[in-house]
């Protein structure tokens, strides 16, 4: 997912980049891109990105080599946001037992 962060060049990573066959068209302002990785053994057969005309990614659909499908919706996106350290602290819900391995 480094390409989501703008750290990878899509043309270097994917051998196919095209609008998906099921794409409804630009009329809705959202298009679906189909991407096929160049490298074998990544575990990913193809990706679908729902993107707005201004380049914002709304949804990622991943199909792996075993045909398992994972979908991720990107909601409430804040670009260049610096999260405070406490945002990464795990706080278990009340009543959950925590086991520590030794």
Protein backbone atom coordinates (compact mmCIF):
# COMPACT_ATOMS: atom_id res chain seq x y z
CA UNK A 1 0.00 0.00 0.00
CA UNK A 2 2.96 2.32 -0.37
CA UNK A 3 1.34 3.68 -3.53
CA UNK A 4 -1.55 4.95 -1.37
CA UNK A 5 1.01 7.09 0.43
CA UNK A 6 2.45 8.35 -2.84
CA UNK A 7 5.73 6.47 -2.34
CA UNK A 8 5.52 4.18 -5.36
CA UNK A 9 5.17 4.74 -9.09
CA UNK A 10 2.11 2.85 -10.34
CA UNK A 11 3.57 2.27 -13.80
CA UNK A 12 6.63 0.57 -12.29
CA UNK A 13 4.58 -1.66 -9.97
CA UNK A 14 1.67 -2.66 -12.24
CA UNK A 15 1.73 -4.17 -15.73
CA UNK A 16 -1.91 -3.23 -16.42
CA UNK A 17 -3.65 -0.02 -15.41
CA UNK A 18 -7.02 0.56 -17.03
CA UNK A 19 -10.57 1.55 -16.29
CA UNK A 20 -12.47 -1.51 -15.09
CA UNK A 21 -15.06 -3.09 -17.38
CA UNK A 22 -17.79 -2.56 -14.76
CA UNK A 23 -16.92 1.14 -14.48
CA UNK A 24 -20.09 3.22 -14.62
CA UNK A 25 -18.27 6.06 -16.36
CA UNK A 26 -17.13 9.53 -15.51
CA UNK A 27 -20.69 10.87 -15.21
CA UNK A 28 -20.82 9.99 -11.51
CA UNK A 29 -17.44 11.60 -10.79
CA UNK A 30 -16.09 8.26 -9.56
CA UNK A 31 -14.09 5.86 -11.75
CA UNK A 32 -12.78 2.37 -11.06
CA UNK A 33 -9.22 1.49 -12.02
CA UNK A 34 -8.08 -2.10 -12.44
CA UNK A 35 -4.42 -2.75 -11.64
CA UNK A 36 -2.48 -5.98 -12.21
CA UNK A 37 0.92 -6.30 -10.47
CA UNK A 38 4.04 -6.87 -12.57
CA UNK A 39 5.78 -9.08 -10.02
CA UNK A 40 4.62 -12.62 -9.37
CA UNK A 41 4.52 -13.91 -5.82
CA UNK A 42 3.08 -10.73 -4.29
CA UNK A 43 -0.03 -12.65 -3.30
CA UNK A 44 -2.16 -10.12 -5.18
CA UNK A 45 -3.74 -11.01 -8.52
CA UNK A 46 -5.44 -7.67 -9.12
CA UNK A 47 -6.53 -4.46 -7.40
CA UNK A 48 -9.48 -2.20 -8.04
CA UNK A 49 -9.37 1.43 -6.93
CA UNK A 50 -12.46 3.62 -6.82
CA UNK A 51 -11.15 7.13 -7.36
CA UNK A 52 -12.71 10.56 -7.73
CA UNK A 53 -11.87 12.81 -10.66
CA UNK A 54 -9.55 14.80 -8.38
CA UNK A 55 -7.56 11.66 -7.48
CA UNK A 56 -8.95 10.81 -4.04
CA UNK A 57 -9.10 7.05 -3.42
CA UNK A 58 -12.46 6.01 -1.95
CA UNK A 59 -12.23 2.22 -1.97
CA UNK A 60 -9.63 -0.49 -2.53
CA UNK A 61 -10.65 -3.99 -3.56
CA UNK A 62 -7.93 -6.64 -3.55
CA UNK A 63 -8.23 -10.07 -5.12
CA UNK A 64 -5.48 -12.45 -4.09
CA UNK A 65 -4.08 -15.47 -5.90
CA UNK A 66 -6.55 -17.78 -4.08
CA UNK A 67 -9.49 -15.60 -5.28
CA UNK A 68 -10.12 -14.24 -1.77
CA UNK A 69 -11.51 -10.70 -1.89
CA UNK A 70 -10.70 -7.93 0.60
CA UNK A 71 -12.33 -4.50 0.40
CA UNK A 72 -11.28 -1.36 2.22
CA UNK A 73 -13.32 1.85 2.26
CA UNK A 74 -11.37 4.99 3.01
CA UNK A 75 -13.57 7.32 5.03
CA UNK A 76 -12.79 10.54 6.83
CA UNK A 77 -9.36 10.81 5.18
CA UNK A 78 -7.03 13.52 6.48
CA UNK A 79 -3.98 14.02 4.28
CA UNK A 80 -0.69 14.93 5.96
CA UNK A 81 -2.26 14.43 9.39
CA UNK A 82 0.13 13.97 12.31
CA UNK A 83 -1.59 11.69 14.80
CA UNK A 84 -0.72 12.16 18.47
CA UNK A 85 1.22 9.29 20.12
CA UNK A 86 -1.77 8.34 22.29
CA UNK A 87 -3.73 7.48 19.12
CA UNK A 88 -1.53 4.36 18.86
CA UNK A 89 -2.08 3.14 22.43
CA UNK A 90 -4.15 -0.03 22.79
CA UNK A 91 -6.96 0.33 25.32
CA UNK A 92 -8.93 -2.90 25.71
CA UNK A 93 -12.68 -2.66 26.27
CA UNK A 94 -14.01 -3.01 29.81
CA UNK A 95 -14.30 -6.65 30.86
CA UNK A 96 -11.70 -8.01 28.43
CA UNK A 97 -9.05 -10.23 30.02
CA UNK A 98 -5.50 -9.48 28.92
CA UNK A 99 -3.06 -12.37 28.79
CA UNK A 100 0.62 -11.75 28.58
CA UNK A 101 3.01 -14.33 27.15
CA UNK A 102 6.28 -14.94 28.97
